[in-house]
Amino acid sequence: MNTDILIKSKLFSAYPNEELDINPGRFGKKLGEFVSNALKENNIETADLYPTDYCYELRIDQYEFKVYILTGNIDGTDNEFLISIEPKKEYIRKWFRKISTVDIIMKIQKTINDACKDHPDIEVL
């Protein structure tokens, strides 16, 4: 199950003072906003966009399990980014049940991948 998307673009530069929210040299808030908008256009609502030490994280609560999408630049670059979808496992366990994640994760991955491919200023690597 492919849950990572690597892209190259100059669209997602750091906001001024973004380093106050995240470690120096790391950014990805503009990419997180792009991903959030692409998901909303396909009726997938994001609950939150917040910084972590090394990336920005989106949370999706509308499914039987929580989905997290991490967006951030690749170390040492200012135009290469990684979008990573969690969970990466094909099944999770919740309340003694085994729940398949495949269909939901693949729908989210396809939505994000298509939005990136459809944009002329984004190269999917």
Protein backbone atom coordinates (compact mmCIF):
# COMPACT_ATOMS: atom_id res chain seq x y z
CA MET A 1 0.00 0.00 0.00
CA ASN A 2 1.66 3.21 -1.19
CA THR A 3 1.04 5.97 1.35
CA ASP A 4 3.81 8.43 0.42
CA ILE A 5 3.79 11.04 -2.34
CA LEU A 6 6.99 12.84 -3.25
CA ILE A 7 6.59 16.10 -5.16
CA LYS A 8 8.70 18.94 -6.50
CA SER A 9 7.33 22.49 -6.69
CA LYS A 10 8.18 26.09 -5.94
CA LEU A 11 4.58 26.81 -4.85
CA PHE A 12 5.02 25.82 -1.22
CA SER A 13 7.74 28.10 0.12
CA ALA A 14 7.84 28.87 3.83
CA TYR A 15 5.60 31.54 5.30
CA PRO A 16 7.39 34.43 6.99
CA ASN A 17 8.27 33.37 10.56
CA GLU A 18 7.15 29.78 9.94
CA GLU A 19 10.33 28.68 11.74
CA LEU A 20 8.73 29.92 14.97
CA ASP A 21 6.19 27.06 14.73
CA ILE A 22 8.49 24.33 13.43
CA ASN A 23 12.21 23.48 13.48
CA PRO A 24 14.49 25.79 11.46
CA GLY A 25 14.85 24.78 7.82
CA ARG A 26 11.57 22.84 7.90
CA PHE A 27 8.28 24.02 6.43
CA GLY A 28 5.15 22.66 4.80
CA LYS A 29 2.16 24.70 5.93
CA LYS A 30 1.31 25.92 2.40
CA LEU A 31 1.43 22.32 1.18
CA GLY A 32 -0.80 21.27 4.09
CA GLU A 33 -3.32 23.94 3.09
CA PHE A 34 -3.19 22.75 -0.55
CA VAL A 35 -3.80 19.14 0.52
CA SER A 36 -6.62 20.19 2.86
CA ASN A 37 -8.36 22.11 0.05
CA ALA A 38 -7.96 19.19 -2.38
CA LEU A 39 -9.54 16.84 0.15
CA LYS A 40 -12.42 19.24 0.89
CA GLU A 41 -13.20 19.44 -2.83
CA ASN A 42 -13.71 15.67 -2.68
CA ASN A 43 -15.88 15.69 0.47
CA ILE A 44 -13.08 14.65 2.83
CA GLU A 45 -13.03 17.05 5.77
CA THR A 46 -9.84 17.74 7.67
CA ALA A 47 -10.26 18.45 11.36
CA ASP A 48 -6.99 20.22 11.99
CA LEU A 49 -3.70 21.49 10.52
CA TYR A 50 -0.97 21.88 13.10
CA PRO A 51 2.84 21.95 13.30
CA THR A 52 5.02 19.19 14.69
CA ASP A 53 8.81 19.35 15.10
CA TYR A 54 9.55 18.47 11.48
CA CYS A 55 6.34 18.84 9.43
CA TYR A 56 2.71 19.90 9.45
CA GLU A 57 0.02 17.36 10.20
CA LEU A 58 -3.60 17.15 9.04
CA ARG A 59 -6.08 15.02 10.95
CA ILE A 60 -9.16 13.40 9.43
CA ASP A 61 -11.81 12.24 11.89
CA GLN A 62 -14.72 11.26 9.63
CA TYR A 63 -13.82 7.57 9.37
CA GLU A 64 -13.90 4.61 11.72
CA PHE A 65 -10.25 5.31 12.53
CA LYS A 66 -8.15 8.48 12.56
CA VAL A 67 -6.12 9.35 9.48
CA TYR A 68 -3.09 11.64 9.64
CA ILE A 69 -1.42 13.32 6.69
CA LEU A 70 2.07 14.75 7.17
CA THR A 71 3.40 17.46 4.84
CA GLY A 72 6.89 18.88 4.86
CA ASN A 73 9.96 19.70 2.86
CA ILE A 74 12.77 17.22 2.36
CA ASP A 75 15.85 18.08 4.47
CA GLY A 76 18.12 20.59 2.76
CA THR A 77 15.72 21.41 -0.07
CA ASP A 78 13.23 24.19 -0.58
CA ASN A 79 11.29 22.70 -3.49
CA GLU A 80 10.96 18.95 -2.73
CA PHE A 81 8.24 17.75 -0.39
CA LEU A 82 6.89 14.55 1.12
CA ILE A 83 3.21 13.91 1.76
CA SER A 84 2.79 10.87 4.00
CA ILE A 85 -0.49 9.24 5.01
CA GLU A 86 -0.91 7.33 8.28
CA PRO A 87 -1.77 4.61 9.16
CA LYS A 88 0.49 2.67 6.84
CA LYS A 89 -0.82 -0.71 7.95
CA GLU A 90 -3.53 -2.47 5.94
CA TYR A 91 -5.44 -3.25 9.13
CA ILE A 92 -5.80 -1.67 12.53
CA ARG A 93 -7.35 -3.10 15.66
CA LYS A 94 -10.00 -1.21 17.57
CA TRP A 95 -12.15 -2.62 20.34
CA PHE A 96 -11.20 -6.21 19.54
CA ARG A 97 -12.06 -5.75 15.87
CA LYS A 98 -9.82 -5.81 12.86
CA ILE A 99 -10.58 -2.86 10.55
CA SER A 100 -9.29 -2.63 6.99
CA THR A 101 -7.69 0.74 6.15
CA VAL A 102 -6.95 -0.01 2.49
CA ASP A 103 -10.01 1.50 0.76
CA ILE A 104 -9.98 4.73 2.76
CA ILE A 105 -6.22 5.27 2.57
CA MET A 106 -6.19 4.55 -1.18
CA LYS A 107 -9.08 6.99 -1.74
CA ILE A 108 -7.20 9.71 0.16
CA GLN A 109 -3.91 8.91 -1.61
CA LYS A 110 -5.59 9.02 -5.04
CA THR A 111 -7.30 12.33 -4.24
CA ILE A 112 -4.03 13.97 -3.19
CA ASN A 113 -2.02 12.39 -6.02
CA ASP A 114 -4.57 13.52 -8.63
CA ALA A 115 -4.63 17.08 -7.25
CA CYS A 116 -0.83 17.22 -7.51
CA LYS A 117 -0.73 15.72 -11.01
CA ASP A 118 -3.46 18.08 -12.24
CA HIS A 119 -1.56 21.20 -11.12
CA PRO A 120 0.85 22.45 -13.81
CA ASP A 121 3.39 23.72 -11.28
CA ILE A 122 3.70 20.46 -9.33
CA GLU A 123 5.82 17.53 -10.46
CA VAL A 124 5.04 14.17 -8.86
CA LEU A 125 8.30 12.26 -8.48
